[in-house]
Amino acid sequence: MREDGETADGWDSVVLDEAFVRGAEVSEPSGRARMLAARWRQEAPEPQPWRADKPPAGWFFGRRRRRWR
């Protein structure tokens, strides 16, 4: 610390507010995105259909609903 009360590096006057963060030009991908990218570089994933051919587990088609009286 200097005699006038300021630190020598000058970081005390820097404000890291929302405008500063949103103004950043570079954004780093999430950890999950980096993990999947590394995995897919080794072996590409198999294509998946947008809609499944089978209903999700736990769905029972043709089962009638009971009426509450």
C-alpha atoms as a PDB file:
ATOM      1  CA  MET A   1       0.000   0.000   0.000  1.00  0.00           C
ATOM      2  CA  ARG A   2       1.263   3.470  -0.832  1.00  0.00           C
ATOM      3  CA  GLU A   3       1.274   6.467   1.481  1.00  0.00           C
ATOM      4  CA  ASP A   4      -1.860   8.017  -0.104  1.00  0.00           C
ATOM      5  CA  GLY A   5      -3.945   4.904   0.770  1.00  0.00           C
ATOM      6  CA  GLU A   6      -4.184   3.355  -2.726  1.00  0.00           C
ATOM      7  CA  THR A   7      -2.763   0.011  -3.672  1.00  0.00           C
ATOM      8  CA  ALA A   8      -0.028  -0.108  -6.256  1.00  0.00           C
ATOM      9  CA  ASP A   9      -1.915  -2.339  -8.687  1.00  0.00           C
ATOM     10  CA  GLY A  10      -4.962  -0.047  -9.183  1.00  0.00           C
ATOM     11  CA  TRP A  11      -7.622  -2.802  -9.043  1.00  0.00           C
ATOM     12  CA  ASP A  12      -9.515  -1.075  -6.225  1.00  0.00           C
ATOM     13  CA  SER A  13     -11.089   1.379  -8.684  1.00  0.00           C
ATOM     14  CA  VAL A  14     -12.280  -1.276 -11.181  1.00  0.00           C
ATOM     15  CA  VAL A  15     -16.031  -2.004 -11.105  1.00  0.00           C
ATOM     16  CA  LEU A  16     -17.122  -5.426 -12.410  1.00  0.00           C
ATOM     17  CA  ASP A  17     -20.826  -4.749 -12.886  1.00  0.00           C
ATOM     18  CA  GLU A  18     -23.411  -6.366 -15.179  1.00  0.00           C
ATOM     19  CA  ALA A  19     -22.658  -4.009 -18.072  1.00  0.00           C
ATOM     20  CA  PHE A  20     -19.000  -5.011 -17.916  1.00  0.00           C
ATOM     21  CA  VAL A  21     -19.839  -8.730 -17.890  1.00  0.00           C
ATOM     22  CA  ARG A  22     -22.397  -8.493 -20.722  1.00  0.00           C
ATOM     23  CA  GLY A  23     -19.953  -6.442 -22.784  1.00  0.00           C
ATOM     24  CA  ALA A  24     -17.418  -9.270 -22.868  1.00  0.00           C
ATOM     25  CA  GLU A  25     -16.591 -10.383 -26.399  1.00  0.00           C
ATOM     26  CA  VAL A  26     -15.541 -13.930 -25.527  1.00  0.00           C
ATOM     27  CA  SER A  27     -17.591 -16.444 -23.581  1.00  0.00           C
ATOM     28  CA  GLU A  28     -16.219 -19.756 -22.380  1.00  0.00           C
ATOM     29  CA  PRO A  29     -18.309 -22.900 -22.960  1.00  0.00           C
ATOM     30  CA  SER A  30     -19.690 -24.719 -19.949  1.00  0.00           C
ATOM     31  CA  GLY A  31     -17.924 -27.700 -18.434  1.00  0.00           C
ATOM     32  CA  ARG A  32     -20.535 -30.067 -19.871  1.00  0.00           C
ATOM     33  CA  ALA A  33     -20.093 -28.596 -23.361  1.00  0.00           C
ATOM     34  CA  ARG A  34     -16.298 -29.044 -23.129  1.00  0.00           C
ATOM     35  CA  MET A  35     -16.714 -32.626 -21.875  1.00  0.00           C
ATOM     36  CA  LEU A  36     -19.083 -33.575 -24.707  1.00  0.00           C
ATOM     37  CA  ALA A  37     -16.885 -31.897 -27.327  1.00  0.00           C
ATOM     38  CA  ALA A  38     -13.866 -33.897 -26.132  1.00  0.00           C
ATOM     39  CA  ARG A  39     -15.878 -37.126 -26.113  1.00  0.00           C
ATOM     40  CA  TRP A  40     -17.299 -36.482 -29.599  1.00  0.00           C
ATOM     41  CA  ARG A  41     -13.828 -35.755 -31.019  1.00  0.00           C
ATOM     42  CA  GLN A  42     -12.897 -39.356 -30.184  1.00  0.00           C
ATOM     43  CA  GLU A  43     -16.169 -40.940 -31.304  1.00  0.00           C
ATOM     44  CA  ALA A  44     -19.107 -39.197 -32.945  1.00  0.00           C
ATOM     45  CA  PRO A  45     -22.511 -39.799 -31.311  1.00  0.00           C
ATOM     46  CA  GLU A  46     -25.115 -41.895 -33.084  1.00  0.00           C
ATOM     47  CA  PRO A  47     -27.987 -39.883 -34.563  1.00  0.00           C
ATOM     48  CA  GLN A  48     -31.070 -39.804 -32.380  1.00  0.00           C
ATOM     49  CA  PRO A  49     -34.618 -39.334 -33.704  1.00  0.00           C
ATOM     50  CA  TRP A  50     -36.458 -36.213 -32.645  1.00  0.00           C
ATOM     51  CA  ARG A  51     -39.420 -38.265 -31.507  1.00  0.00           C
ATOM     52  CA  ALA A  52     -39.013 -41.710 -30.036  1.00  0.00           C
ATOM     53  CA  ASP A  53     -40.686 -44.652 -31.754  1.00  0.00           C
ATOM     54  CA  LYS A  54     -41.762 -46.078 -28.407  1.00  0.00           C
ATOM     55  CA  PRO A  55     -43.624 -44.226 -25.657  1.00  0.00           C
ATOM     56  CA  PRO A  56     -41.599 -43.129 -22.622  1.00  0.00           C
ATOM     57  CA  ALA A  57     -41.236 -45.590 -19.766  1.00  0.00           C
ATOM     58  CA  GLY A  58     -44.189 -45.550 -17.412  1.00  0.00           C
ATOM     59  CA  TRP A  59     -46.809 -44.591 -19.989  1.00  0.00           C
ATOM     60  CA  PHE A  60     -49.641 -47.044 -20.397  1.00  0.00           C
ATOM     61  CA  PHE A  61     -51.692 -46.591 -23.519  1.00  0.00           C
ATOM     62  CA  GLY A  62     -55.099 -48.183 -23.657  1.00  0.00           C
ATOM     63  CA  ARG A  63     -55.520 -48.115 -19.914  1.00  0.00           C
ATOM     64  CA  ARG A  64     -58.775 -46.469 -18.928  1.00  0.00           C
ATOM     65  CA  ARG A  65     -58.908 -43.765 -16.323  1.00  0.00           C
ATOM     66  CA  ARG A  66     -61.073 -44.313 -13.299  1.00  0.00           C
ATOM     67  CA  ARG A  67     -63.777 -41.790 -12.670  1.00  0.00           C
ATOM     68  CA  TRP A  68     -63.952 -40.348  -9.209  1.00  0.00           C
ATOM     69  CA  ARG A  69     -67.423 -40.270  -7.743  1.00  0.00           C
END
